[in-house]
Amino acid sequence: MPQSEKLTYFISDVHLGARYIADRKAAERRVVGFLRSIAPKAEAVYLMGDILDFWFEYATVVPRGYVRFFGQIAEMADAGVRIVWFTGNHDIWLFDYLRDELGIEVVTGPRVEIIGGKKFFLAHGDGLGPQKAGFRFISWLFHNRLCQRLFAAVHPRWTVPLGYGCSSASRGVPRVDPFMGVDQEPQAIFAARYLREVDPEVNFFVFGHRHVVVDEKLSDNCRLVILGDWILHYSYAVFDGEDIKLLQYESV
């Protein structure tokens, strides 16, 4: 039996606002419908990165869009649901506006948490395991404080279209990226090494980023979960206090 009546949910790679999504309003309404459907049962919702296809927080300017989504997140947070947003490689630049305005937690980088007595290693997943030098450089550039200040100094009429253009170009048209197996998948290689060399007590590694739906056993007591996306899969994970399951949202 579940240890708690309340459930913990994990969702990633919604890419709201992506230019390759034909009906962006419908995509937003779909994820809002999902959040509304789980709100009465949710103790916590983990947004595991790339929820927005592009976002940059300016000191006094709020980018357009996502009103329905932000409103639903705020409503759930106000009702006592814990909302934890892990930044991804598309929504890197969440600073303090959404954190303070919506009443959520913003996490940059991996985090280990105990949920329902189980140990979770949580991260968006970009940068874990073997990565090409070009990716590592771009990641450093995007996280560099000086580069962020220089970007913020340019008027949003130029930076926001540029950001959306680059975000869309980095993924292209929606596609299914095949899982390469636990011996070749960078996230799986990282998880297996972490389990072996750092902490053998981790029960679940939960990642986004790869746009594949994966539930793989790493040891007798540990599983790797990759959450898929909301472009093709509409997938999410739910933890009931004992076990985690990958499910697909069917809107009504």
C-alpha atoms as a PDB file:
ATOM      1  CA  MET A   1       0.000   0.000   0.000  1.00  0.00           C
ATOM      2  CA  PRO A   2       1.218   3.563  -0.664  1.00  0.00           C
ATOM      3  CA  GLN A   3       2.773   5.276   2.320  1.00  0.00           C
ATOM      4  CA  SER A   4       0.867   8.473   1.586  1.00  0.00           C
ATOM      5  CA  GLU A   5      -2.435   9.406  -0.015  1.00  0.00           C
ATOM      6  CA  LYS A   6      -0.730  12.285  -1.758  1.00  0.00           C
ATOM      7  CA  LEU A   7       1.340  11.706  -4.901  1.00  0.00           C
ATOM      8  CA  THR A   8       4.522  13.190  -6.335  1.00  0.00           C
ATOM      9  CA  TYR A   9       4.621  14.005 -10.045  1.00  0.00           C
ATOM     10  CA  PHE A  10       7.499  14.553 -12.465  1.00  0.00           C
ATOM     11  CA  ILE A  11       7.235  16.178 -15.893  1.00  0.00           C
ATOM     12  CA  SER A  12       9.826  17.571 -18.307  1.00  0.00           C
ATOM     13  CA  ASP A  13      10.472  18.939 -21.787  1.00  0.00           C
ATOM     14  CA  VAL A  14       7.158  20.655 -22.425  1.00  0.00           C
ATOM     15  CA  HIS A  15       8.925  23.324 -24.545  1.00  0.00           C
ATOM     16  CA  LEU A  16       6.083  25.810 -24.297  1.00  0.00           C
ATOM     17  CA  GLY A  17       6.454  28.481 -26.956  1.00  0.00           C
ATOM     18  CA  ALA A  18       8.571  26.380 -29.334  1.00  0.00           C
ATOM     19  CA  ARG A  19       8.190  27.687 -32.866  1.00  0.00           C
ATOM     20  CA  TYR A  20       7.913  24.196 -34.336  1.00  0.00           C
ATOM     21  CA  ILE A  21       4.713  23.505 -32.345  1.00  0.00           C
ATOM     22  CA  ALA A  22       1.850  24.233 -34.738  1.00  0.00           C
ATOM     23  CA  ASP A  23      -0.730  25.294 -32.118  1.00  0.00           C
ATOM     24  CA  ARG A  24       1.147  26.727 -29.159  1.00  0.00           C
ATOM     25  CA  LYS A  25      -2.015  27.777 -27.289  1.00  0.00           C
ATOM     26  CA  ALA A  26      -3.379  24.230 -27.533  1.00  0.00           C
ATOM     27  CA  ALA A  27      -0.077  22.868 -26.206  1.00  0.00           C
ATOM     28  CA  GLU A  28      -0.284  25.216 -23.234  1.00  0.00           C
ATOM     29  CA  ARG A  29      -3.911  24.299 -22.545  1.00  0.00           C
ATOM     30  CA  ARG A  30      -3.012  20.618 -22.639  1.00  0.00           C
ATOM     31  CA  VAL A  31      -0.368  20.855 -19.932  1.00  0.00           C
ATOM     32  CA  VAL A  32      -2.623  23.143 -17.878  1.00  0.00           C
ATOM     33  CA  GLY A  33      -5.356  20.506 -18.165  1.00  0.00           C
ATOM     34  CA  PHE A  34      -2.938  17.907 -16.877  1.00  0.00           C
ATOM     35  CA  LEU A  35      -1.928  20.073 -13.926  1.00  0.00           C
ATOM     36  CA  ARG A  36      -5.564  20.721 -13.054  1.00  0.00           C
ATOM     37  CA  SER A  37      -6.276  16.984 -13.178  1.00  0.00           C
ATOM     38  CA  ILE A  38      -3.522  16.147 -10.682  1.00  0.00           C
ATOM     39  CA  ALA A  39      -3.890  19.165  -8.390  1.00  0.00           C
ATOM     40  CA  PRO A  40      -6.243  17.479  -5.856  1.00  0.00           C
ATOM     41  CA  LYS A  41      -3.889  14.480  -5.515  1.00  0.00           C
ATOM     42  CA  ALA A  42      -0.491  16.189  -5.699  1.00  0.00           C
ATOM     43  CA  GLU A  43       1.784  16.729  -2.744  1.00  0.00           C
ATOM     44  CA  ALA A  44       4.582  17.914  -5.031  1.00  0.00           C
ATOM     45  CA  VAL A  45       5.204  18.530  -8.711  1.00  0.00           C
ATOM     46  CA  TYR A  46       8.735  18.478 -10.090  1.00  0.00           C
ATOM     47  CA  LEU A  47       9.169  20.373 -13.345  1.00  0.00           C
ATOM     48  CA  MET A  48      12.350  18.739 -14.612  1.00  0.00           C
ATOM     49  CA  GLY A  49      13.566  21.339 -17.079  1.00  0.00           C
ATOM     50  CA  ASP A  50      12.884  22.682 -20.568  1.00  0.00           C
ATOM     51  CA  ILE A  51       9.340  23.510 -19.518  1.00  0.00           C
ATOM     52  CA  LEU A  52       9.702  26.689 -21.594  1.00  0.00           C
ATOM     53  CA  ASP A  53      11.464  26.600 -24.946  1.00  0.00           C
ATOM     54  CA  PHE A  54      13.084  29.930 -24.095  1.00  0.00           C
ATOM     55  CA  TRP A  55      12.980  32.237 -21.093  1.00  0.00           C
ATOM     56  CA  PHE A  56      15.140  35.100 -19.939  1.00  0.00           C
ATOM     57  CA  GLU A  57      14.312  37.143 -16.854  1.00  0.00           C
ATOM     58  CA  TYR A  58      15.021  40.838 -17.180  1.00  0.00           C
ATOM     59  CA  ALA A  59      15.090  43.187 -14.205  1.00  0.00           C
ATOM     60  CA  THR A  60      11.891  45.033 -15.172  1.00  0.00           C
ATOM     61  CA  VAL A  61      10.489  43.223 -18.237  1.00  0.00           C
ATOM     62  CA  VAL A  62       8.380  40.057 -18.318  1.00  0.00           C
ATOM     63  CA  PRO A  63       8.388  38.127 -21.629  1.00  0.00           C
ATOM     64  CA  ARG A  64       4.992  37.606 -23.238  1.00  0.00           C
ATOM     65  CA  GLY A  65       3.050  34.365 -22.995  1.00  0.00           C
ATOM     66  CA  TYR A  66       2.343  31.421 -20.687  1.00  0.00           C
ATOM     67  CA  VAL A  67      -0.340  33.233 -18.661  1.00  0.00           C
ATOM     68  CA  ARG A  68      -2.540  30.143 -18.287  1.00  0.00           C
ATOM     69  CA  PHE A  69       0.390  27.957 -17.321  1.00  0.00           C
ATOM     70  CA  PHE A  70       1.834  30.399 -14.798  1.00  0.00           C
ATOM     71  CA  GLY A  71      -1.624  30.969 -13.334  1.00  0.00           C
ATOM     72  CA  GLN A  72      -2.159  27.248 -12.789  1.00  0.00           C
ATOM     73  CA  ILE A  73       1.256  26.834 -11.184  1.00  0.00           C
ATOM     74  CA  ALA A  74       0.564  29.783  -8.855  1.00  0.00           C
ATOM     75  CA  GLU A  75      -2.858  28.397  -7.939  1.00  0.00           C
ATOM     76  CA  MET A  76      -1.372  25.032  -7.008  1.00  0.00           C
ATOM     77  CA  ALA A  77       1.464  26.612  -5.034  1.00  0.00           C
ATOM     78  CA  ASP A  78      -1.041  28.800  -3.162  1.00  0.00           C
ATOM     79  CA  ALA A  79      -3.026  25.664  -2.315  1.00  0.00           C
ATOM     80  CA  GLY A  80       0.032  24.092  -0.686  1.00  0.00           C
ATOM     81  CA  VAL A  81       1.391  21.929  -3.496  1.00  0.00           C
ATOM     82  CA  ARG A  82       5.174  22.014  -3.538  1.00  0.00           C
ATOM     83  CA  ILE A  83       6.388  23.083  -6.998  1.00  0.00           C
ATOM     84  CA  VAL A  84      10.065  22.498  -7.805  1.00  0.00           C
ATOM     85  CA  TRP A  85      11.369  23.750 -11.151  1.00  0.00           C
ATOM     86  CA  PHE A  86      14.730  22.416 -12.322  1.00  0.00           C
ATOM     87  CA  THR A  87      16.265  24.602 -14.990  1.00  0.00           C
ATOM     88  CA  GLY A  88      17.074  22.881 -18.271  1.00  0.00           C
ATOM     89  CA  ASN A  89      19.211  23.873 -21.199  1.00  0.00           C
ATOM     90  CA  HIS A  90      16.320  25.859 -22.749  1.00  0.00           C
ATOM     91  CA  ASP A  91      14.977  27.561 -19.616  1.00  0.00           C
ATOM     92  CA  ILE A  92      18.397  28.178 -18.062  1.00  0.00           C
ATOM     93  CA  TRP A  93      17.745  31.786 -17.182  1.00  0.00           C
ATOM     94  CA  LEU A  94      15.170  31.477 -14.413  1.00  0.00           C
ATOM     95  CA  PHE A  95      16.408  33.712 -11.635  1.00  0.00           C
ATOM     96  CA  ASP A  96      14.073  35.109  -8.967  1.00  0.00           C
ATOM     97  CA  TYR A  97      10.981  36.474 -10.742  1.00  0.00           C
ATOM     98  CA  LEU A  98       9.067  33.224 -11.233  1.00  0.00           C
ATOM     99  CA  ARG A  99      10.386  31.891  -7.932  1.00  0.00           C
ATOM    100  CA  ASP A 100       8.990  34.829  -5.985  1.00  0.00           C
ATOM    101  CA  GLU A 101       5.902  35.576  -8.088  1.00  0.00           C
ATOM    102  CA  LEU A 102       4.616  31.992  -8.279  1.00  0.00           C
ATOM    103  CA  GLY A 103       5.882  30.773  -4.921  1.00  0.00           C
ATOM    104  CA  ILE A 104       8.003  27.939  -6.279  1.00  0.00           C
ATOM    105  CA  GLU A 105      11.503  26.544  -5.822  1.00  0.00           C
ATOM    106  CA  VAL A 106      13.992  26.970  -8.660  1.00  0.00           C
ATOM    107  CA  VAL A 107      16.883  24.496  -8.783  1.00  0.00           C
ATOM    108  CA  THR A 108      19.944  24.793 -11.005  1.00  0.00           C
ATOM    109  CA  GLY A 109      21.887  21.573 -11.335  1.00  0.00           C
ATOM    110  CA  PRO A 110      21.330  18.110  -9.822  1.00  0.00           C
ATOM    111  CA  ARG A 111      19.822  17.528  -6.409  1.00  0.00           C
ATOM    112  CA  VAL A 112      19.422  14.464  -4.190  1.00  0.00           C
ATOM    113  CA  GLU A 113      16.177  14.302  -2.205  1.00  0.00           C
ATOM    114  CA  ILE A 114      14.433  11.831   0.053  1.00  0.00           C
ATOM    115  CA  ILE A 115      10.821  11.434  -1.052  1.00  0.00           C
ATOM    116  CA  GLY A 116       8.596   9.005   0.817  1.00  0.00           C
ATOM    117  CA  GLY A 117      11.634   7.330   2.317  1.00  0.00           C
ATOM    118  CA  LYS A 118      13.249   6.717  -1.090  1.00  0.00           C
ATOM    119  CA  LYS A 119      16.386   8.437  -2.327  1.00  0.00           C
ATOM    120  CA  PHE A 120      16.033  10.295  -5.639  1.00  0.00           C
ATOM    121  CA  PHE A 121      18.802  11.770  -7.766  1.00  0.00           C
ATOM    122  CA  LEU A 122      17.048  14.511  -9.746  1.00  0.00           C
ATOM    123  CA  ALA A 123      18.334  16.579 -12.669  1.00  0.00           C
ATOM    124  CA  HIS A 124      17.292  17.835 -16.057  1.00  0.00           C
ATOM    125  CA  GLY A 125      20.076  15.661 -17.419  1.00  0.00           C
ATOM    126  CA  ASP A 126      21.976  17.864 -19.844  1.00  0.00           C
ATOM    127  CA  GLY A 127      25.686  17.734 -19.197  1.00  0.00           C
ATOM    128  CA  LEU A 128      25.618  14.409 -17.365  1.00  0.00           C
ATOM    129  CA  GLY A 129      27.895  11.675 -18.618  1.00  0.00           C
ATOM    130  CA  PRO A 130      30.182  11.956 -21.657  1.00  0.00           C
ATOM    131  CA  GLN A 131      29.589  15.196 -23.606  1.00  0.00           C
ATOM    132  CA  LYS A 132      31.175  16.773 -26.663  1.00  0.00           C
ATOM    133  CA  ALA A 133      33.500  19.748 -26.131  1.00  0.00           C
ATOM    134  CA  GLY A 134      31.169  22.050 -28.083  1.00  0.00           C
ATOM    135  CA  PHE A 135      28.255  21.284 -25.776  1.00  0.00           C
ATOM    136  CA  ARG A 136      30.406  21.893 -22.690  1.00  0.00           C
ATOM    137  CA  PHE A 137      31.511  25.271 -24.069  1.00  0.00           C
ATOM    138  CA  ILE A 138      27.969  26.392 -24.882  1.00  0.00           C
ATOM    139  CA  SER A 139      26.818  25.328 -21.428  1.00  0.00           C
ATOM    140  CA  TRP A 140      29.621  27.331 -19.813  1.00  0.00           C
ATOM    141  CA  LEU A 141      28.789  30.348 -21.976  1.00  0.00           C
ATOM    142  CA  PHE A 142      25.098  30.278 -21.073  1.00  0.00           C
ATOM    143  CA  HIS A 143      25.813  29.984 -17.347  1.00  0.00           C
ATOM    144  CA  ASN A 144      28.496  32.659 -17.291  1.00  0.00           C
ATOM    145  CA  ARG A 145      27.322  35.695 -15.261  1.00  0.00           C
ATOM    146  CA  LEU A 146      29.118  38.232 -17.429  1.00  0.00           C
ATOM    147  CA  CYS A 147      27.593  36.803 -20.601  1.00  0.00           C
ATOM    148  CA  GLN A 148      24.158  36.884 -18.963  1.00  0.00           C
ATOM    149  CA  ARG A 149      24.594  40.569 -18.060  1.00  0.00           C
ATOM    150  CA  LEU A 150      25.712  41.409 -21.597  1.00  0.00           C
ATOM    151  CA  PHE A 151      22.696  39.593 -23.049  1.00  0.00           C
ATOM    152  CA  ALA A 152      20.362  41.407 -20.651  1.00  0.00           C
ATOM    153  CA  ALA A 153      21.798  44.763 -21.758  1.00  0.00           C
ATOM    154  CA  VAL A 154      20.424  44.284 -25.287  1.00  0.00           C
ATOM    155  CA  HIS A 155      16.805  45.340 -25.882  1.00  0.00           C
ATOM    156  CA  PRO A 156      14.303  42.437 -25.588  1.00  0.00           C
ATOM    157  CA  ARG A 157      12.944  43.175 -29.090  1.00  0.00           C
ATOM    158  CA  TRP A 158      16.209  41.655 -30.338  1.00  0.00           C
ATOM    159  CA  THR A 159      17.121  39.099 -27.689  1.00  0.00           C
ATOM    160  CA  VAL A 160      13.758  37.344 -27.330  1.00  0.00           C
ATOM    161  CA  PRO A 161      13.320  36.513 -31.058  1.00  0.00           C
ATOM    162  CA  LEU A 162      16.970  35.488 -31.153  1.00  0.00           C
ATOM    163  CA  GLY A 163      16.467  33.200 -28.168  1.00  0.00           C
ATOM    164  CA  TYR A 164      13.423  31.515 -29.664  1.00  0.00           C
ATOM    165  CA  GLY A 165      15.210  31.104 -32.976  1.00  0.00           C
ATOM    166  CA  CYS A 166      18.229  29.460 -31.382  1.00  0.00           C
ATOM    167  CA  SER A 167      16.065  27.242 -29.169  1.00  0.00           C
ATOM    168  CA  SER A 168      14.071  25.952 -32.117  1.00  0.00           C
ATOM    169  CA  ALA A 169      17.181  25.461 -34.227  1.00  0.00           C
ATOM    170  CA  SER A 170      18.805  23.351 -31.516  1.00  0.00           C
ATOM    171  CA  ARG A 171      16.041  20.769 -31.745  1.00  0.00           C
ATOM    172  CA  GLY A 172      14.552  21.203 -35.191  1.00  0.00           C
ATOM    173  CA  VAL A 173      11.295  19.473 -36.034  1.00  0.00           C
ATOM    174  CA  PRO A 174       9.790  17.149 -33.408  1.00  0.00           C
ATOM    175  CA  ARG A 175      11.431  13.740 -33.493  1.00  0.00           C
ATOM    176  CA  VAL A 176      11.928  10.606 -31.452  1.00  0.00           C
ATOM    177  CA  ASP A 177      15.494  10.206 -30.208  1.00  0.00           C
ATOM    178  CA  PRO A 178      16.153   6.492 -29.642  1.00  0.00           C
ATOM    179  CA  PHE A 179      17.438   5.329 -26.282  1.00  0.00           C
ATOM    180  CA  MET A 180      20.989   4.092 -26.815  1.00  0.00           C
ATOM    181  CA  GLY A 181      20.961   1.492 -24.041  1.00  0.00           C
ATOM    182  CA  VAL A 182      22.380   1.563 -20.548  1.00  0.00           C
ATOM    183  CA  ASP A 183      25.926   0.995 -21.829  1.00  0.00           C
ATOM    184  CA  GLN A 184      25.901   3.946 -24.270  1.00  0.00           C
ATOM    185  CA  GLU A 185      23.326   6.447 -23.036  1.00  0.00           C
ATOM    186  CA  PRO A 186      25.179   9.354 -21.339  1.00  0.00           C
ATOM    187  CA  GLN A 187      22.628   9.665 -18.529  1.00  0.00           C
ATOM    188  CA  ALA A 188      22.717   5.922 -17.877  1.00  0.00           C
ATOM    189  CA  ILE A 189      26.530   5.906 -17.871  1.00  0.00           C
ATOM    190  CA  PHE A 190      26.510   8.753 -15.357  1.00  0.00           C
ATOM    191  CA  ALA A 191      23.885   7.077 -13.152  1.00  0.00           C
ATOM    192  CA  ALA A 192      25.682   3.713 -13.108  1.00  0.00           C
ATOM    193  CA  ARG A 193      28.971   5.368 -12.199  1.00  0.00           C
ATOM    194  CA  TYR A 194      27.360   7.524  -9.495  1.00  0.00           C
ATOM    195  CA  LEU A 195      25.673   4.452  -8.055  1.00  0.00           C
ATOM    196  CA  ARG A 196      28.942   2.529  -8.071  1.00  0.00           C
ATOM    197  CA  GLU A 197      31.382   5.219  -6.930  1.00  0.00           C
ATOM    198  CA  VAL A 198      29.408   7.820  -4.973  1.00  0.00           C
ATOM    199  CA  ASP A 199      26.168   6.551  -3.456  1.00  0.00           C
ATOM    200  CA  PRO A 200      24.856   2.986  -3.836  1.00  0.00           C
ATOM    201  CA  GLU A 201      21.738   3.909  -1.851  1.00  0.00           C
ATOM    202  CA  VAL A 202      20.027   5.898  -4.626  1.00  0.00           C
ATOM    203  CA  ASN A 203      16.690   4.299  -5.522  1.00  0.00           C
ATOM    204  CA  PHE A 204      15.686   6.401  -8.540  1.00  0.00           C
ATOM    205  CA  PHE A 205      17.516   8.567 -11.042  1.00  0.00           C
ATOM    206  CA  VAL A 206      14.930  10.850 -12.679  1.00  0.00           C
ATOM    207  CA  PHE A 207      15.972  12.879 -15.728  1.00  0.00           C
ATOM    208  CA  GLY A 208      14.489  14.776 -18.629  1.00  0.00           C
ATOM    209  CA  HIS A 209      16.301  16.260 -21.622  1.00  0.00           C
ATOM    210  CA  ARG A 210      16.450  13.239 -23.907  1.00  0.00           C
ATOM    211  CA  HIS A 211      12.816  13.199 -25.118  1.00  0.00           C
ATOM    212  CA  VAL A 212      12.623   9.428 -24.666  1.00  0.00           C
ATOM    213  CA  VAL A 213      10.478   7.436 -22.246  1.00  0.00           C
ATOM    214  CA  VAL A 214      12.741   5.084 -20.290  1.00  0.00           C
ATOM    215  CA  ASP A 215      12.385   2.912 -17.195  1.00  0.00           C
ATOM    216  CA  GLU A 216      15.526   0.793 -16.828  1.00  0.00           C
ATOM    217  CA  LYS A 217      16.783  -1.244 -13.904  1.00  0.00           C
ATOM    218  CA  LEU A 218      20.324  -0.285 -12.838  1.00  0.00           C
ATOM    219  CA  SER A 219      20.532  -2.567  -9.794  1.00  0.00           C
ATOM    220  CA  ASP A 220      18.227  -4.590  -7.588  1.00  0.00           C
ATOM    221  CA  ASN A 221      17.244  -1.406  -5.747  1.00  0.00           C
ATOM    222  CA  CYS A 222      17.690   1.319  -8.352  1.00  0.00           C
ATOM    223  CA  ARG A 223      16.010   2.404 -11.585  1.00  0.00           C
ATOM    224  CA  LEU A 224      16.714   5.005 -14.238  1.00  0.00           C
ATOM    225  CA  VAL A 225      13.652   7.008 -15.330  1.00  0.00           C
ATOM    226  CA  ILE A 226      13.762   9.384 -18.308  1.00  0.00           C
ATOM    227  CA  LEU A 227      10.527  11.307 -18.573  1.00  0.00           C
ATOM    228  CA  GLY A 228       9.974  11.723 -22.315  1.00  0.00           C
ATOM    229  CA  ASP A 229       8.366  14.981 -23.476  1.00  0.00           C
ATOM    230  CA  TRP A 230       5.155  16.874 -24.200  1.00  0.00           C
ATOM    231  CA  ILE A 231       5.787  17.259 -27.908  1.00  0.00           C
ATOM    232  CA  LEU A 232       5.160  13.655 -28.950  1.00  0.00           C
ATOM    233  CA  HIS A 233       4.727  11.539 -25.806  1.00  0.00           C
ATOM    234  CA  TYR A 234       2.732  13.616 -23.275  1.00  0.00           C
ATOM    235  CA  SER A 235       4.390  11.485 -20.618  1.00  0.00           C
ATOM    236  CA  TYR A 236       5.001  11.941 -16.911  1.00  0.00           C
ATOM    237  CA  ALA A 237       5.984   9.944 -13.843  1.00  0.00           C
ATOM    238  CA  VAL A 238       4.101   9.540 -10.591  1.00  0.00           C
ATOM    239  CA  PHE A 239       5.503   8.304  -7.276  1.00  0.00           C
ATOM    240  CA  ASP A 240       3.050   6.922  -4.718  1.00  0.00           C
ATOM    241  CA  GLY A 241       5.429   6.575  -1.786  1.00  0.00           C
ATOM    242  CA  GLU A 242       6.623   3.123  -2.787  1.00  0.00           C
ATOM    243  CA  ASP A 243       7.032   2.932  -6.530  1.00  0.00           C
ATOM    244  CA  ILE A 244       7.326   5.218  -9.549  1.00  0.00           C
ATOM    245  CA  LYS A 245       5.385   4.711 -12.784  1.00  0.00           C
ATOM    246  CA  LEU A 246       5.631   6.323 -16.215  1.00  0.00           C
ATOM    247  CA  LEU A 247       2.214   7.239 -17.613  1.00  0.00           C
ATOM    248  CA  GLN A 248       0.772   9.118 -20.591  1.00  0.00           C
ATOM    249  CA  TYR A 249      -1.716  11.941 -20.264  1.00  0.00           C
ATOM    250  CA  GLU A 250      -4.853  11.557 -22.325  1.00  0.00           C
ATOM    251  CA  SER A 251      -6.693  14.862 -22.497  1.00  0.00           C
ATOM    252  CA  VAL A 252     -10.482  14.795 -22.594  1.00  0.00           C
END
